[in-house]
Amino acid sequence: MANSAQARKRARQAAKHRVRNAAQRSEMRTYIKKTVKAIESGDKAAAESAYKLAVPMLDRMAGKGRIHRNQAARYKSRLNARIRAM
């Protein structure tokens, strides 16, 4: 349990940040899942449009430190490779 006023404030901030970070990571995963679903359905146009929406989201999450920049690059590379293989 936090004893000082500073520690109590940091605990409150950490709780807020944890909720926000989890929501943003969840939103990012939703964009990835939409892209994967479009790829698996075989609709290349839908897959490309979903990918174009997912890329900026991945870049934003990497820029904010929610995920590592290499992880964002890996997601983008693998999704793009699957779209090109269609």
Protein backbone atom coordinates (compact mmCIF):
# COMPACT_ATOMS: atom_id res chain seq x y z
CA MET A 1 0.00 0.00 0.00
CA ALA A 2 1.28 3.45 -0.92
CA ASN A 3 2.07 5.54 2.16
CA SER A 4 3.18 8.93 0.87
CA ALA A 5 0.94 11.34 -1.02
CA GLN A 6 3.24 11.04 -4.05
CA ALA A 7 3.05 7.24 -4.01
CA ARG A 8 -0.75 7.34 -3.70
CA LYS A 9 -0.98 9.70 -6.69
CA ARG A 10 1.37 7.51 -8.75
CA ALA A 11 -0.77 4.47 -7.90
CA ARG A 12 -3.89 6.33 -9.12
CA GLN A 13 -2.08 7.35 -12.31
CA ALA A 14 -0.82 3.82 -12.90
CA ALA A 15 -4.36 2.46 -12.62
CA LYS A 16 -5.66 5.00 -15.16
CA HIS A 17 -2.77 4.33 -17.53
CA ARG A 18 -3.21 0.56 -17.25
CA VAL A 19 -6.88 0.82 -18.27
CA ARG A 20 -6.11 3.16 -21.17
CA ASN A 21 -3.19 1.05 -22.39
CA ALA A 22 -5.27 -2.14 -22.25
CA ALA A 23 -8.07 -0.50 -24.23
CA GLN A 24 -5.67 0.73 -26.91
CA ARG A 25 -3.93 -2.64 -27.20
CA SER A 26 -7.35 -4.30 -27.51
CA GLU A 27 -8.34 -1.88 -30.27
CA MET A 28 -5.08 -2.64 -32.10
CA ARG A 29 -5.71 -6.38 -31.86
CA THR A 30 -9.23 -5.84 -33.25
CA TYR A 31 -7.76 -4.14 -36.35
CA ILE A 32 -5.35 -7.06 -36.79
CA LYS A 33 -8.16 -9.59 -36.42
CA LYS A 34 -10.27 -7.76 -39.00
CA THR A 35 -7.38 -7.94 -41.44
CA VAL A 36 -6.79 -11.64 -40.76
CA LYS A 37 -10.50 -12.38 -41.14
CA ALA A 38 -10.55 -10.60 -44.53
CA ILE A 39 -7.49 -12.58 -45.63
CA GLU A 40 -9.05 -15.87 -44.58
CA SER A 41 -12.28 -15.04 -46.39
CA GLY A 42 -10.27 -14.67 -49.60
CA ASP A 43 -11.40 -11.11 -50.34
CA LYS A 44 -8.20 -9.36 -51.38
CA ALA A 45 -9.77 -5.90 -51.69
CA ALA A 46 -11.26 -6.10 -48.19
CA ALA A 47 -7.96 -7.42 -46.83
CA GLU A 48 -6.03 -4.54 -48.38
CA SER A 49 -8.44 -1.94 -47.03
CA ALA A 50 -8.36 -3.52 -43.55
CA TYR A 51 -4.55 -3.60 -43.72
CA LYS A 52 -4.45 0.10 -44.63
CA LEU A 53 -6.46 0.84 -41.48
CA ALA A 54 -4.33 -1.45 -39.30
CA VAL A 55 -0.95 -0.01 -40.30
CA PRO A 56 -1.44 3.50 -38.81
CA MET A 57 -2.85 1.94 -35.64
CA LEU A 58 0.24 -0.26 -35.28
CA ASP A 59 2.50 2.72 -35.90
CA ARG A 60 0.64 4.78 -33.28
CA MET A 61 0.90 2.02 -30.70
CA ALA A 62 4.63 1.65 -31.37
CA GLY A 63 5.13 5.41 -31.22
CA LYS A 64 3.37 5.63 -27.86
CA GLY A 65 5.31 2.68 -26.47
CA ARG A 66 2.30 0.38 -26.09
CA ILE A 67 4.14 -2.22 -28.18
CA HIS A 68 7.75 -2.44 -29.32
CA ARG A 69 8.49 -0.94 -32.74
CA ASN A 70 9.88 -4.29 -33.92
CA GLN A 71 6.62 -5.98 -32.93
CA ALA A 72 4.68 -3.45 -35.01
CA ALA A 73 7.03 -4.06 -37.95
CA ARG A 74 6.60 -7.82 -37.54
CA TYR A 75 2.80 -7.57 -37.56
CA LYS A 76 2.84 -5.35 -40.65
CA SER A 77 5.31 -7.58 -42.48
CA ARG A 78 3.42 -10.79 -41.79
CA LEU A 79 0.02 -9.35 -42.68
CA ASN A 80 1.38 -7.83 -45.88
CA ALA A 81 3.04 -11.12 -46.85
CA ARG A 82 -0.25 -12.95 -46.38
CA ILE A 83 -2.08 -10.40 -48.52
CA ARG A 84 0.51 -10.62 -51.30
CA ALA A 85 0.28 -14.43 -51.23
CA MET A 86 -3.47 -14.30 -51.95
